[in-house]
């Protein structure tokens, strides 16, 4: 790039935005100048401009970013598909919980995986993009089924082959309907060793426009490593935050 085409002042402004992070959520003018290497006068002009444009809050001493700064990222996210929007969130979630996580959509009587972040193999079958599993015995499937209108749900329930894959599997339509009612009421679903012995998973909905459930996201773990209580008390809040972040990004597209 030719030097005449390079806008150095824009670079300086972006550098100011970057110094605000988890360790530095609120900074004084002097601190910003020191962290960026700018003069106090130059840093002051940038900071006051950001505040005037409502990208920052200023209480007379401290500057801090506000939620309007997210608009810059959402403009980019609006060009992405669900798997692309979800990818960085899934990666962070998987690293945070040290377990695998996935996203799927409903296809007939199955769920189909459209995104996956895997830490270790915990099932006898290989899961990947495009893999299909019976919806009624998976945590993501039950989230998606519970979101359907009553008539559509009834039609799908009539098509399932009810049986026991493990001793824990819900194997009657009546029991499944009761479980789906519970899932819809609480907004999340835990499936404990129903699909495969030793496998636990917990799922939450991903919502698109008009808050319609368009996909589900889960965390899966081996029962010998993660208890039911840990899934619910520790991992569920993390999962709900991640699903909400993806939903929020999609709704702004």
Foldseek 3Di string as FASTA:
>chain_A
DDPVPDDVLVVLLVLLVVVCDPVHQKDFLVRSCVSSVHDSVSSVVSQVVCVVVVQWDDPPGIIGGDPVVCVVVLVVLQVDDLQVLQVVLQVVLCVVVVFKKFKWFDDQQWTFTQYIDGNDDDDPDDDDHGDIDGLLQDFFSLLNLLLDDPVVSVVSLVPDQFDFPDPQADRDSVVSVVQSVVCNVVQKGWHAQRNHQQKIKIKGFAAAEPRRGGMMMMTMDGCVVDPPCCCPVPSVVSRVVSSVSSNVSRHSD
